[in-house]
Amino acid sequence: EWSAPEAGMFLWMRLLGVPDSKALIEGPAREAKVLLVPGAYFLPGSAASPFVRASFSTASDADVDEALRRLAALLREHAAPPR
């Protein structure tokens, strides 16, 4: 789940079916070369968060497409199914 940014160089995404993005991002995502920042790093006390932040300022369209393809594959494998 995401909204198109109106300005800036970051995109915030909510990973559906992932209550805490930190384990996914610091483990399987890193291994798959999907580099995102867990939302917990931007919350007081590093509370669990389903959000991630992505930088797109220097990425080409092809890089973004590949990153999203890899992220989608990770979510299919690791996210809880919708209720």
N, C-alpha and C. Protein backbone atom coordinates (compact mmCIF):
# COMPACT_ATOMS: atom_id res chain seq x y z
N GLU A 1 0.85 -1.15 0.00
CA GLU A 1 0.00 0.00 0.00
C GLU A 1 0.90 1.22 0.00
N TRP A 2 0.63 2.19 -0.89
CA TRP A 2 1.47 3.37 -0.98
C TRP A 2 0.69 4.51 -1.61
N SER A 3 1.21 5.70 -1.47
CA SER A 3 0.67 6.90 -2.11
C SER A 3 1.79 7.55 -2.89
N ALA A 4 1.47 8.07 -4.06
CA ALA A 4 2.48 8.74 -4.88
C ALA A 4 2.96 10.00 -4.15
N PRO A 5 4.28 10.14 -3.99
CA PRO A 5 4.79 11.34 -3.31
C PRO A 5 4.60 12.59 -4.17
N GLU A 6 4.30 13.70 -3.52
CA GLU A 6 4.13 14.96 -4.25
C GLU A 6 5.44 15.73 -4.33
N ALA A 7 6.39 15.38 -3.48
CA ALA A 7 7.70 16.04 -3.47
C ALA A 7 8.66 15.16 -2.69
N GLY A 8 9.92 15.51 -2.72
CA GLY A 8 10.91 14.79 -1.94
C GLY A 8 11.56 13.66 -2.71
N MET A 9 12.27 12.81 -1.99
CA MET A 9 13.01 11.73 -2.64
C MET A 9 12.79 10.38 -1.95
N PHE A 10 11.73 10.30 -1.13
CA PHE A 10 11.43 9.06 -0.43
C PHE A 10 9.99 8.65 -0.69
N LEU A 11 9.79 7.35 -0.68
CA LEU A 11 8.46 6.78 -0.81
C LEU A 11 8.21 5.92 0.42
N TRP A 12 7.07 6.15 1.07
CA TRP A 12 6.68 5.32 2.21
C TRP A 12 5.70 4.28 1.73
N MET A 13 5.91 3.04 2.15
CA MET A 13 5.01 1.95 1.78
C MET A 13 4.62 1.18 3.03
N ARG A 14 3.37 0.76 3.08
CA ARG A 14 2.92 -0.14 4.15
C ARG A 14 2.89 -1.55 3.57
N LEU A 15 3.61 -2.44 4.18
CA LEU A 15 3.70 -3.82 3.71
C LEU A 15 2.55 -4.62 4.31
N LEU A 16 1.54 -4.87 3.51
CA LEU A 16 0.38 -5.60 3.98
C LEU A 16 0.77 -7.02 4.35
N GLY A 17 0.30 -7.48 5.50
CA GLY A 17 0.63 -8.81 5.97
C GLY A 17 1.96 -8.90 6.69
N VAL A 18 2.60 -7.75 6.92
CA VAL A 18 3.89 -7.71 7.62
C VAL A 18 3.73 -6.76 8.81
N PRO A 19 3.46 -7.27 10.00
CA PRO A 19 3.25 -6.39 11.15
C PRO A 19 4.51 -5.64 11.60
N ASP A 20 5.68 -6.21 11.35
CA ASP A 20 6.95 -5.57 11.73
C ASP A 20 7.92 -5.75 10.56
N SER A 21 8.16 -4.69 9.83
CA SER A 21 9.00 -4.77 8.62
C SER A 21 10.47 -4.99 8.92
N LYS A 22 10.89 -4.73 10.14
CA LYS A 22 12.32 -4.78 10.47
C LYS A 22 12.96 -6.14 10.18
N ALA A 23 12.33 -7.22 10.62
CA ALA A 23 12.90 -8.55 10.40
C ALA A 23 12.98 -8.89 8.91
N LEU A 24 11.95 -8.52 8.16
CA LEU A 24 11.95 -8.78 6.72
C LEU A 24 13.05 -7.98 6.02
N ILE A 25 13.15 -6.71 6.37
CA ILE A 25 14.11 -5.83 5.69
C ILE A 25 15.54 -6.15 6.07
N GLU A 26 15.79 -6.50 7.32
CA GLU A 26 17.16 -6.78 7.75
C GLU A 26 17.59 -8.21 7.45
N GLY A 27 16.69 -9.05 7.01
CA GLY A 27 17.01 -10.44 6.69
C GLY A 27 16.80 -10.75 5.22
N PRO A 28 15.66 -11.35 4.88
CA PRO A 28 15.43 -11.78 3.50
C PRO A 28 15.53 -10.66 2.46
N ALA A 29 15.06 -9.46 2.79
CA ALA A 29 15.13 -8.37 1.81
C ALA A 29 16.58 -8.00 1.51
N ARG A 30 17.39 -7.90 2.54
CA ARG A 30 18.80 -7.56 2.33
C ARG A 30 19.48 -8.63 1.47
N GLU A 31 19.18 -9.90 1.76
CA GLU A 31 19.76 -11.00 0.98
C GLU A 31 19.33 -10.94 -0.48
N ALA A 32 18.11 -10.45 -0.74
CA ALA A 32 17.61 -10.33 -2.11
C ALA A 32 18.00 -8.99 -2.74
N LYS A 33 18.84 -8.22 -2.04
CA LYS A 33 19.31 -6.92 -2.50
C LYS A 33 18.17 -5.92 -2.70
N VAL A 34 17.20 -5.98 -1.78
CA VAL A 34 16.13 -4.99 -1.71
C VAL A 34 16.45 -4.12 -0.50
N LEU A 35 16.94 -2.92 -0.77
CA LEU A 35 17.42 -2.06 0.31
C LEU A 35 16.36 -1.01 0.65
N LEU A 36 15.71 -1.23 1.78
CA LEU A 36 14.69 -0.32 2.30
C LEU A 36 15.02 -0.04 3.76
N VAL A 37 14.41 0.99 4.33
CA VAL A 37 14.62 1.31 5.73
C VAL A 37 13.34 0.97 6.49
N PRO A 38 13.44 0.12 7.52
CA PRO A 38 12.25 -0.21 8.31
C PRO A 38 11.64 1.04 8.95
N GLY A 39 10.32 1.11 8.95
CA GLY A 39 9.63 2.25 9.54
C GLY A 39 9.92 2.42 11.02
N ALA A 40 10.25 1.33 11.70
CA ALA A 40 10.53 1.40 13.14
C ALA A 40 11.65 2.39 13.45
N TYR A 41 12.57 2.59 12.52
CA TYR A 41 13.69 3.51 12.76
C TYR A 41 13.24 4.97 12.87
N PHE A 42 12.00 5.25 12.48
CA PHE A 42 11.50 6.61 12.50
C PHE A 42 10.44 6.82 13.57
N LEU A 43 10.27 5.84 14.46
CA LEU A 43 9.28 5.92 15.52
C LEU A 43 9.96 5.96 16.89
N PRO A 44 9.33 6.60 17.86
CA PRO A 44 9.90 6.61 19.21
C PRO A 44 9.99 5.19 19.75
N GLY A 45 11.12 4.84 20.30
CA GLY A 45 11.30 3.53 20.90
C GLY A 45 11.38 2.39 19.91
N SER A 46 11.48 2.71 18.64
CA SER A 46 11.58 1.68 17.59
C SER A 46 10.43 0.68 17.66
N ALA A 47 9.22 1.17 17.86
CA ALA A 47 8.03 0.30 17.91
C ALA A 47 7.87 -0.43 16.58
N ALA A 48 7.28 -1.62 16.64
CA ALA A 48 7.04 -2.40 15.42
C ALA A 48 6.21 -1.59 14.43
N SER A 49 6.53 -1.72 13.16
CA SER A 49 5.84 -0.96 12.13
C SER A 49 5.78 -1.76 10.83
N PRO A 50 4.64 -1.73 10.14
CA PRO A 50 4.55 -2.39 8.85
C PRO A 50 5.09 -1.52 7.71
N PHE A 51 5.56 -0.31 8.03
CA PHE A 51 6.00 0.63 7.00
C PHE A 51 7.49 0.50 6.69
N VAL A 52 7.84 0.88 5.46
CA VAL A 52 9.23 0.98 5.04
C VAL A 52 9.38 2.28 4.26
N ARG A 53 10.61 2.77 4.20
CA ARG A 53 10.91 3.97 3.43
C ARG A 53 11.90 3.60 2.34
N ALA A 54 11.61 4.03 1.13
CA ALA A 54 12.48 3.78 -0.01
C ALA A 54 12.94 5.11 -0.60
N SER A 55 14.20 5.17 -0.96
CA SER A 55 14.74 6.34 -1.65
C SER A 55 14.71 6.07 -3.14
N PHE A 56 14.25 7.04 -3.90
CA PHE A 56 14.20 6.86 -5.35
C PHE A 56 14.91 7.97 -6.11
N SER A 57 15.67 8.80 -5.40
CA SER A 57 16.25 9.98 -6.03
C SER A 57 17.29 9.67 -7.11
N THR A 58 18.02 8.58 -6.97
CA THR A 58 19.05 8.27 -7.97
C THR A 58 18.77 6.99 -8.74
N ALA A 59 17.64 6.36 -8.47
CA ALA A 59 17.30 5.10 -9.13
C ALA A 59 16.68 5.36 -10.50
N SER A 60 17.08 4.54 -11.46
CA SER A 60 16.46 4.63 -12.78
C SER A 60 15.10 3.93 -12.75
N ASP A 61 14.30 4.16 -13.77
CA ASP A 61 13.01 3.48 -13.84
C ASP A 61 13.19 1.96 -13.83
N ALA A 62 14.20 1.49 -14.51
CA ALA A 62 14.48 0.04 -14.56
C ALA A 62 14.87 -0.47 -13.17
N ASP A 63 15.66 0.31 -12.43
CA ASP A 63 16.05 -0.08 -11.07
C ASP A 63 14.82 -0.17 -10.16
N VAL A 64 13.93 0.80 -10.26
CA VAL A 64 12.72 0.80 -9.45
C VAL A 64 11.85 -0.41 -9.79
N ASP A 65 11.69 -0.67 -11.08
CA ASP A 65 10.90 -1.83 -11.51
C ASP A 65 11.47 -3.13 -10.95
N GLU A 66 12.77 -3.28 -11.00
CA GLU A 66 13.41 -4.50 -10.49
C GLU A 66 13.28 -4.59 -8.98
N ALA A 67 13.45 -3.48 -8.29
CA ALA A 67 13.31 -3.48 -6.82
C ALA A 67 11.89 -3.88 -6.42
N LEU A 68 10.90 -3.35 -7.11
CA LEU A 68 9.51 -3.68 -6.78
C LEU A 68 9.19 -5.13 -7.13
N ARG A 69 9.78 -5.64 -8.18
CA ARG A 69 9.59 -7.06 -8.53
C ARG A 69 10.14 -7.94 -7.41
N ARG A 70 11.34 -7.60 -6.93
CA ARG A 70 11.96 -8.37 -5.84
C ARG A 70 11.15 -8.24 -4.55
N LEU A 71 10.69 -7.03 -4.24
CA LEU A 71 9.88 -6.83 -3.04
C LEU A 71 8.59 -7.63 -3.13
N ALA A 72 7.94 -7.62 -4.28
CA ALA A 72 6.70 -8.39 -4.45
C ALA A 72 6.95 -9.88 -4.21
N ALA A 73 8.06 -10.40 -4.71
CA ALA A 73 8.39 -11.81 -4.50
C ALA A 73 8.61 -12.10 -3.02
N LEU A 74 9.28 -11.20 -2.32
CA LEU A 74 9.49 -11.37 -0.87
C LEU A 74 8.17 -11.37 -0.12
N LEU A 75 7.27 -10.46 -0.50
CA LEU A 75 5.99 -10.38 0.19
C LEU A 75 5.14 -11.63 -0.08
N ARG A 76 5.19 -12.15 -1.29
CA ARG A 76 4.46 -13.39 -1.57
C ARG A 76 4.96 -14.52 -0.69
N GLU A 77 6.25 -14.52 -0.40
CA GLU A 77 6.85 -15.59 0.40
C GLU A 77 6.70 -15.38 1.91
N HIS A 78 6.78 -14.14 2.38
CA HIS A 78 6.88 -13.89 3.82
C HIS A 78 5.68 -13.20 4.46
N ALA A 79 4.82 -12.56 3.71
CA ALA A 79 3.69 -11.85 4.32
C ALA A 79 2.57 -12.82 4.68
N ALA A 80 1.85 -12.48 5.73
CA ALA A 80 0.69 -13.28 6.14
C ALA A 80 -0.41 -13.08 5.10
N PRO A 81 -1.16 -14.12 4.81
CA PRO A 81 -2.25 -13.98 3.84
C PRO A 81 -3.33 -13.04 4.36
N PRO A 82 -4.03 -12.35 3.46
CA PRO A 82 -5.10 -11.44 3.92
C PRO A 82 -6.21 -12.23 4.60
N ARG A 83 -6.86 -11.61 5.54
CA ARG A 83 -7.95 -12.27 6.29
C ARG A 83 -9.25 -12.15 5.55
